[in-house]
């Protein structure tokens, strides 16, 4: 999807990052270096099955990589994809800041016109 300012937005990536449990999972994986659905489930207020489903979403958008380890998978954050997501968020944030400044100038102009 493209925003009115022309920025490219990866809706799946944004949706994945938009969930607070998935953001917490990313935090834990970054802090610990890696983890499994079981180890993450012990530190989050959701079931292991819910953690596994969240990990599937993060894996699908490339934010984590899975490596088989026995009967489980060990997950690590894909730092390059995370950096891309951060850059995308920053770019869109900057574009919205510029839009808000333009709206403020228009509103101030209207206010000045009404005062004269």
Protein backbone atom coordinates (compact mmCIF):
# COMPACT_ATOMS: atom_id res chain seq x y z
CA UNK A 1 0.00 0.00 0.00
CA UNK A 2 1.16 3.52 -0.66
CA UNK A 3 0.26 6.45 1.56
CA UNK A 4 -0.85 9.83 0.15
CA UNK A 5 2.71 11.12 0.58
CA UNK A 6 4.07 8.25 -1.51
CA UNK A 7 5.61 6.18 1.30
CA UNK A 8 5.42 2.43 0.81
CA UNK A 9 3.74 0.69 3.74
CA UNK A 10 4.00 -3.02 4.39
CA UNK A 11 0.61 -3.66 6.00
CA UNK A 12 1.51 -7.18 7.16
CA UNK A 13 4.68 -5.94 8.81
CA UNK A 14 2.84 -3.07 10.52
CA UNK A 15 0.09 -5.41 11.66
CA UNK A 16 2.66 -7.77 13.14
CA UNK A 17 4.41 -4.96 15.00
CA UNK A 18 1.10 -3.43 16.06
CA UNK A 19 0.31 -6.20 18.53
CA UNK A 20 1.64 -5.49 22.05
CA UNK A 21 2.35 -9.17 22.80
CA UNK A 22 4.41 -9.50 19.61
CA UNK A 23 6.34 -6.32 20.47
CA UNK A 24 7.08 -7.76 23.91
CA UNK A 25 8.20 -11.02 22.28
CA UNK A 26 10.59 -9.09 20.05
CA UNK A 27 11.92 -7.28 23.13
CA UNK A 28 12.52 -10.59 24.93
CA UNK A 29 14.17 -12.17 21.89
CA UNK A 30 16.44 -9.16 21.47
CA UNK A 31 17.31 -9.20 25.17
CA UNK A 32 17.97 -12.94 25.35
CA UNK A 33 19.33 -13.47 21.84
CA UNK A 34 16.86 -16.26 21.09
CA UNK A 35 13.99 -18.24 22.55
CA UNK A 36 11.40 -20.93 21.99
CA UNK A 37 7.62 -20.78 22.28
CA UNK A 38 7.99 -22.50 25.64
CA UNK A 39 10.58 -20.12 27.08
CA UNK A 40 8.68 -17.09 25.80
CA UNK A 41 5.39 -18.48 27.10
CA UNK A 42 6.87 -18.64 30.60
CA UNK A 43 7.47 -14.88 30.52
CA UNK A 44 4.31 -13.65 28.84
CA UNK A 45 0.68 -13.47 30.00
CA UNK A 46 -0.51 -15.82 27.21
CA UNK A 47 -0.45 -19.56 26.64
CA UNK A 48 2.36 -21.35 24.86
CA UNK A 49 -0.06 -22.01 21.98
CA UNK A 50 -0.78 -18.28 21.66
CA UNK A 51 2.96 -17.57 21.70
CA UNK A 52 3.45 -20.13 18.91
CA UNK A 53 0.77 -18.41 16.81
CA UNK A 54 2.36 -15.00 17.38
CA UNK A 55 5.74 -16.44 16.36
CA UNK A 56 4.22 -17.71 13.10
CA UNK A 57 3.08 -14.15 12.32
CA UNK A 58 6.49 -12.67 13.16
CA UNK A 59 8.21 -15.36 11.08
CA UNK A 60 5.87 -14.79 8.11
CA UNK A 61 6.80 -11.10 7.92
CA UNK A 62 10.48 -11.88 8.41
CA UNK A 63 10.97 -10.28 11.83
CA UNK A 64 12.15 -13.58 13.32
CA UNK A 65 13.94 -16.64 11.93
CA UNK A 66 13.23 -20.12 13.18
CA UNK A 67 15.85 -22.84 13.60
CA UNK A 68 14.75 -26.39 14.50
CA UNK A 69 16.00 -27.44 17.94
CA UNK A 70 14.82 -30.85 19.01
CA UNK A 71 11.02 -30.88 19.17
CA UNK A 72 10.83 -27.08 19.17
CA UNK A 73 12.03 -24.19 17.09
CA UNK A 74 14.43 -21.57 18.39
CA UNK A 75 13.60 -18.06 17.24
CA UNK A 76 15.92 -15.11 16.73
CA UNK A 77 15.12 -11.59 15.61
CA UNK A 78 16.12 -10.83 12.02
CA UNK A 79 17.87 -7.56 12.77
CA UNK A 80 17.98 -6.47 9.10
CA UNK A 81 14.19 -6.80 8.79
CA UNK A 82 13.69 -5.06 12.12
CA UNK A 83 15.92 -2.21 10.95
CA UNK A 84 13.82 -1.95 7.77
CA UNK A 85 10.64 -1.80 9.84
CA UNK A 86 12.12 0.93 12.05
CA UNK A 87 13.18 2.92 8.97
CA UNK A 88 9.69 2.55 7.47
CA UNK A 89 8.06 3.72 10.70
CA UNK A 90 10.43 6.67 10.91
CA UNK A 91 9.76 7.65 7.30
CA UNK A 92 6.01 7.58 7.72
CA UNK A 93 6.28 9.43 11.04
CA UNK A 94 8.31 12.18 9.36
CA UNK A 95 5.77 12.45 6.56
CA UNK A 96 2.92 12.81 9.06
CA UNK A 97 4.88 15.43 11.02
CA UNK A 98 5.19 17.44 7.80
CA UNK A 99 1.45 17.06 7.14
CA UNK A 100 0.63 18.24 10.64
CA UNK A 101 2.86 21.30 10.23
CA UNK A 102 1.01 22.17 6.99
CA UNK A 103 -2.37 21.73 8.67
CA UNK A 104 -1.23 23.97 11.53
CA UNK A 105 -0.13 26.69 9.07
CA UNK A 106 -3.48 26.50 7.25
CA UNK A 107 -5.40 26.69 10.54
CA UNK A 108 -3.31 29.67 11.68
CA UNK A 109 -3.92 31.39 8.34
CA UNK A 110 -7.68 30.86 8.65
CA UNK A 111 -7.58 32.18 12.22
CA UNK A 112 -5.70 35.31 11.13
CA UNK A 113 -8.19 35.89 8.29
CA UNK A 114 -11.12 35.65 10.70
CA UNK A 115 -9.49 38.12 13.10
CA UNK A 116 -9.17 40.85 10.45
